[in-house]
């Protein structure tokens, strides 16, 4: 993931976006979404 994508994922997660939605939208694994710093 690019730094911009990581920022977007963090923002969406903080806003309550479901993990499965982020996984599908970014084409990454659940582990990647959970590890986004």
N, C-alpha and C. Protein backbone atom coordinates (compact mmCIF):
# COMPACT_ATOMS: atom_id res chain seq x y z
N UNK A 1 0.83 -1.17 0.00
CA UNK A 1 0.00 0.00 0.00
C UNK A 1 0.88 1.24 0.00
N UNK A 2 0.40 2.24 -0.70
CA UNK A 2 1.11 3.52 -0.71
C UNK A 2 0.82 4.27 0.59
N UNK A 3 1.66 5.23 0.93
CA UNK A 3 1.39 6.01 2.14
C UNK A 3 0.01 6.69 2.10
N UNK A 4 -0.41 7.14 0.93
CA UNK A 4 -1.74 7.76 0.81
C UNK A 4 -2.84 6.75 1.11
N UNK A 5 -2.69 5.53 0.60
CA UNK A 5 -3.69 4.50 0.85
C UNK A 5 -3.76 4.16 2.34
N UNK A 6 -2.60 4.10 2.98
CA UNK A 6 -2.57 3.80 4.41
C UNK A 6 -3.32 4.88 5.18
N UNK A 7 -3.11 6.14 4.83
CA UNK A 7 -3.82 7.24 5.50
C UNK A 7 -5.32 7.11 5.29
N UNK A 8 -5.72 6.76 4.07
CA UNK A 8 -7.14 6.62 3.77
C UNK A 8 -7.75 5.48 4.59
N UNK A 9 -7.05 4.36 4.67
CA UNK A 9 -7.55 3.22 5.43
C UNK A 9 -7.68 3.59 6.90
N UNK A 10 -6.70 4.28 7.46
CA UNK A 10 -6.77 4.69 8.85
C UNK A 10 -7.96 5.59 9.10
N UNK A 11 -8.19 6.53 8.19
CA UNK A 11 -9.31 7.45 8.33
C UNK A 11 -10.64 6.70 8.25
N UNK A 12 -10.75 5.80 7.29
CA UNK A 12 -11.99 5.05 7.13
C UNK A 12 -12.24 4.13 8.33
N UNK A 13 -11.19 3.47 8.82
CA UNK A 13 -11.34 2.61 10.00
C UNK A 13 -11.80 3.42 11.20
N UNK A 14 -11.21 4.59 11.39
CA UNK A 14 -11.59 5.44 12.52
C UNK A 14 -13.04 5.88 12.41
N UNK A 15 -13.53 5.98 11.18
CA UNK A 15 -14.91 6.39 10.95
C UNK A 15 -15.90 5.25 11.03
N UNK A 16 -15.40 4.03 11.28
CA UNK A 16 -16.30 2.89 11.46
C UNK A 16 -16.49 2.01 10.24
N UNK A 17 -15.70 2.23 9.20
CA UNK A 17 -15.81 1.40 7.99
C UNK A 17 -15.46 -0.05 8.34
N UNK A 18 -16.28 -1.01 7.92
CA UNK A 18 -16.00 -2.42 8.21
C UNK A 18 -14.72 -2.89 7.51
N UNK A 19 -13.98 -3.75 8.20
CA UNK A 19 -12.72 -4.26 7.65
C UNK A 19 -12.96 -4.95 6.31
N UNK A 20 -14.02 -5.76 6.21
CA UNK A 20 -14.25 -6.49 4.96
C UNK A 20 -14.45 -5.55 3.79
N UNK A 21 -15.01 -4.39 4.06
CA UNK A 21 -15.21 -3.40 3.01
C UNK A 21 -13.87 -2.84 2.54
N UNK A 22 -12.98 -2.58 3.48
CA UNK A 22 -11.65 -2.07 3.13
C UNK A 22 -10.85 -3.12 2.37
N UNK A 23 -10.95 -4.37 2.81
CA UNK A 23 -10.24 -5.46 2.13
C UNK A 23 -10.69 -5.54 0.67
N UNK A 24 -11.98 -5.50 0.45
CA UNK A 24 -12.51 -5.59 -0.91
C UNK A 24 -12.16 -4.35 -1.73
N UNK A 25 -12.23 -3.20 -1.12
CA UNK A 25 -11.99 -1.95 -1.83
C UNK A 25 -10.54 -1.73 -2.22
N UNK A 26 -9.62 -2.21 -1.40
CA UNK A 26 -8.20 -1.99 -1.66
C UNK A 26 -7.50 -3.22 -2.21
N UNK A 27 -8.17 -4.36 -2.22
CA UNK A 27 -7.58 -5.57 -2.77
C UNK A 27 -6.40 -6.08 -1.96
N UNK A 28 -6.50 -5.95 -0.64
CA UNK A 28 -5.44 -6.42 0.25
C UNK A 28 -6.03 -7.41 1.25
N UNK A 29 -5.15 -8.05 2.01
CA UNK A 29 -5.62 -9.01 2.99
C UNK A 29 -6.09 -8.30 4.26
N UNK A 30 -6.84 -9.04 5.07
CA UNK A 30 -7.28 -8.47 6.35
C UNK A 30 -6.09 -8.10 7.21
N UNK A 31 -5.06 -8.94 7.19
CA UNK A 31 -3.87 -8.66 7.99
C UNK A 31 -3.24 -7.33 7.60
N UNK A 32 -3.22 -7.05 6.31
CA UNK A 32 -2.65 -5.78 5.84
C UNK A 32 -3.45 -4.61 6.38
N UNK A 33 -4.76 -4.73 6.37
CA UNK A 33 -5.60 -3.64 6.88
C UNK A 33 -5.39 -3.47 8.38
N UNK A 34 -5.30 -4.57 9.12
CA UNK A 34 -5.09 -4.48 10.56
C UNK A 34 -3.72 -3.90 10.90
N UNK A 35 -2.73 -4.16 10.03
CA UNK A 35 -1.37 -3.67 10.30
C UNK A 35 -1.11 -2.27 9.80
N UNK A 36 -2.05 -1.67 9.10
CA UNK A 36 -1.84 -0.30 8.61
C UNK A 36 -1.55 0.58 9.81
N UNK A 37 -0.35 1.13 9.87
CA UNK A 37 0.07 1.86 11.07
C UNK A 37 -0.77 3.08 11.37
